[in-house]
C-alpha atoms as a PDB file:
ATOM      1  CA  UNK A   1     122.464 120.687  66.012  1.00  0.00           C
ATOM      2  CA  UNK A   2     119.532 118.710  67.453  1.00  0.00           C
ATOM      3  CA  UNK A   3     120.107 116.894  70.688  1.00  0.00           C
ATOM      4  CA  UNK A   4     119.559 113.152  70.468  1.00  0.00           C
ATOM      5  CA  UNK A   5     117.071 111.738  72.895  1.00  0.00           C
ATOM      6  CA  UNK A   6     116.567 108.187  73.937  1.00  0.00           C
ATOM      7  CA  UNK A   7     113.523 106.643  75.479  1.00  0.00           C
ATOM      8  CA  UNK A   8     114.005 104.443  78.449  1.00  0.00           C
ATOM      9  CA  UNK A   9     111.516 101.671  78.887  1.00  0.00           C
ATOM     10  CA  UNK A  10     110.414 101.224  82.490  1.00  0.00           C
ATOM     11  CA  UNK A  11     111.837  98.115  84.063  1.00  0.00           C
ATOM     12  CA  UNK A  12     109.110  95.862  85.372  1.00  0.00           C
ATOM     13  CA  UNK A  13     109.493  95.256  89.071  1.00  0.00           C
ATOM     14  CA  UNK A  14     110.735  91.769  89.772  1.00  0.00           C
ATOM     15  CA  UNK A  15     108.701  89.796  92.250  1.00  0.00           C
ATOM     16  CA  UNK A  16     109.974  86.967  94.410  1.00  0.00           C
ATOM     17  CA  UNK A  17     108.624  83.657  93.170  1.00  0.00           C
ATOM     18  CA  UNK A  18     109.218  81.634  96.329  1.00  0.00           C
ATOM     19  CA  UNK A  19     107.840  82.212  99.838  1.00  0.00           C
ATOM     20  CA  UNK A  20     111.319  81.958 101.404  1.00  0.00           C
ATOM     21  CA  UNK A  21     112.569  84.839  99.239  1.00  0.00           C
ATOM     22  CA  UNK A  22     109.573  87.008 100.067  1.00  0.00           C
ATOM     23  CA  UNK A  23     109.778  86.135 103.767  1.00  0.00           C
ATOM     24  CA  UNK A  24     113.417  87.212 103.791  1.00  0.00           C
ATOM     25  CA  UNK A  25     112.481  90.499 102.098  1.00  0.00           C
ATOM     26  CA  UNK A  26     109.745  91.070 104.693  1.00  0.00           C
ATOM     27  CA  UNK A  27     112.005  89.957 107.575  1.00  0.00           C
ATOM     28  CA  UNK A  28     109.554  87.329 108.755  1.00  0.00           C
ATOM     29  CA  UNK A  29     109.149  83.601 109.174  1.00  0.00           C
ATOM     30  CA  UNK A  30     108.489  81.693 105.929  1.00  0.00           C
ATOM     31  CA  UNK A  31     106.114  79.483 107.913  1.00  0.00           C
ATOM     32  CA  UNK A  32     103.951  82.474 108.894  1.00  0.00           C
ATOM     33  CA  UNK A  33     103.966  83.719 105.314  1.00  0.00           C
ATOM     34  CA  UNK A  34     102.879  80.337 103.939  1.00  0.00           C
ATOM     35  CA  UNK A  35     100.075  80.208 106.506  1.00  0.00           C
ATOM     36  CA  UNK A  36      98.867  83.603 105.281  1.00  0.00           C
ATOM     37  CA  UNK A  37      99.085  82.444 101.669  1.00  0.00           C
ATOM     38  CA  UNK A  38      97.056  79.308 102.441  1.00  0.00           C
ATOM     39  CA  UNK A  39      94.307  81.419 104.004  1.00  0.00           C
ATOM     40  CA  UNK A  40      94.201  84.074 101.300  1.00  0.00           C
ATOM     41  CA  UNK A  41      95.080  82.031  98.206  1.00  0.00           C
ATOM     42  CA  UNK A  42      93.730  78.527  98.683  1.00  0.00           C
ATOM     43  CA  UNK A  43      95.367  76.055  96.332  1.00  0.00           C
ATOM     44  CA  UNK A  44      93.794  72.931  94.851  1.00  0.00           C
ATOM     45  CA  UNK A  45      94.302  69.692  96.797  1.00  0.00           C
ATOM     46  CA  UNK A  46      96.692  68.310  94.173  1.00  0.00           C
ATOM     47  CA  UNK A  47      99.090  71.197  94.908  1.00  0.00           C
ATOM     48  CA  UNK A  48      99.442  70.125  98.547  1.00  0.00           C
ATOM     49  CA  UNK A  49     103.059  69.351  99.479  1.00  0.00           C
ATOM     50  CA  UNK A  50     104.365  71.032  96.325  1.00  0.00           C
ATOM     51  CA  UNK A  51     106.446  74.178  95.923  1.00  0.00           C
ATOM     52  CA  UNK A  52     104.712  77.528  95.879  1.00  0.00           C
ATOM     53  CA  UNK A  53     105.002  79.672  92.756  1.00  0.00           C
ATOM     54  CA  UNK A  54     104.010  83.142  93.895  1.00  0.00           C
ATOM     55  CA  UNK A  55     102.030  85.378  91.590  1.00  0.00           C
ATOM     56  CA  UNK A  56     102.288  89.148  91.483  1.00  0.00           C
ATOM     57  CA  UNK A  57      98.927  89.322  93.272  1.00  0.00           C
ATOM     58  CA  UNK A  58     100.192  87.109  96.113  1.00  0.00           C
ATOM     59  CA  UNK A  59     103.353  89.148  96.574  1.00  0.00           C
ATOM     60  CA  UNK A  60     101.459  92.442  96.644  1.00  0.00           C
ATOM     61  CA  UNK A  61      98.923  91.089  99.166  1.00  0.00           C
ATOM     62  CA  UNK A  62     101.690  89.804 101.449  1.00  0.00           C
ATOM     63  CA  UNK A  63     103.630  93.065 101.239  1.00  0.00           C
ATOM     64  CA  UNK A  64     100.493  95.025 102.102  1.00  0.00           C
ATOM     65  CA  UNK A  65      99.693  92.726 105.028  1.00  0.00           C
ATOM     66  CA  UNK A  66     103.163  92.482 106.542  1.00  0.00           C
ATOM     67  CA  UNK A  67     104.772  95.839 105.769  1.00  0.00           C
ATOM     68  CA  UNK A  68     104.278  98.526 108.372  1.00  0.00           C
ATOM     69  CA  UNK A  69     103.618 101.987 107.042  1.00  0.00           C
ATOM     70  CA  UNK A  70     105.341 104.950 108.674  1.00  0.00           C
ATOM     71  CA  UNK A  71     102.074 106.212 110.209  1.00  0.00           C
ATOM     72  CA  UNK A  72     101.372 102.786 111.764  1.00  0.00           C
ATOM     73  CA  UNK A  73     104.828 102.752 113.353  1.00  0.00           C
ATOM     74  CA  UNK A  74     104.265 106.267 114.682  1.00  0.00           C
ATOM     75  CA  UNK A  75     100.856 105.301 116.140  1.00  0.00           C
ATOM     76  CA  UNK A  76     102.463 102.376 117.972  1.00  0.00           C
ATOM     77  CA  UNK A  77     105.039 104.625 119.619  1.00  0.00           C
ATOM     78  CA  UNK A  78     102.520 107.152 120.974  1.00  0.00           C
END
């Protein structure tokens, strides 16, 4: 009797859509995160004073900037 197989579709990683959610994940100040986002992802003037909608690119850039890798932590302790 043939064994039934099922294919499992990979689940797309969910990304935070708000700076406060991402800041919490990164254990940092939302204000510092928004400052970084303003520098790296300048928004049009009409978006000033409106809510941020983070893109996948923004989330990845912030994670890369604010997440310490194991070798960086080790270098700091030596």
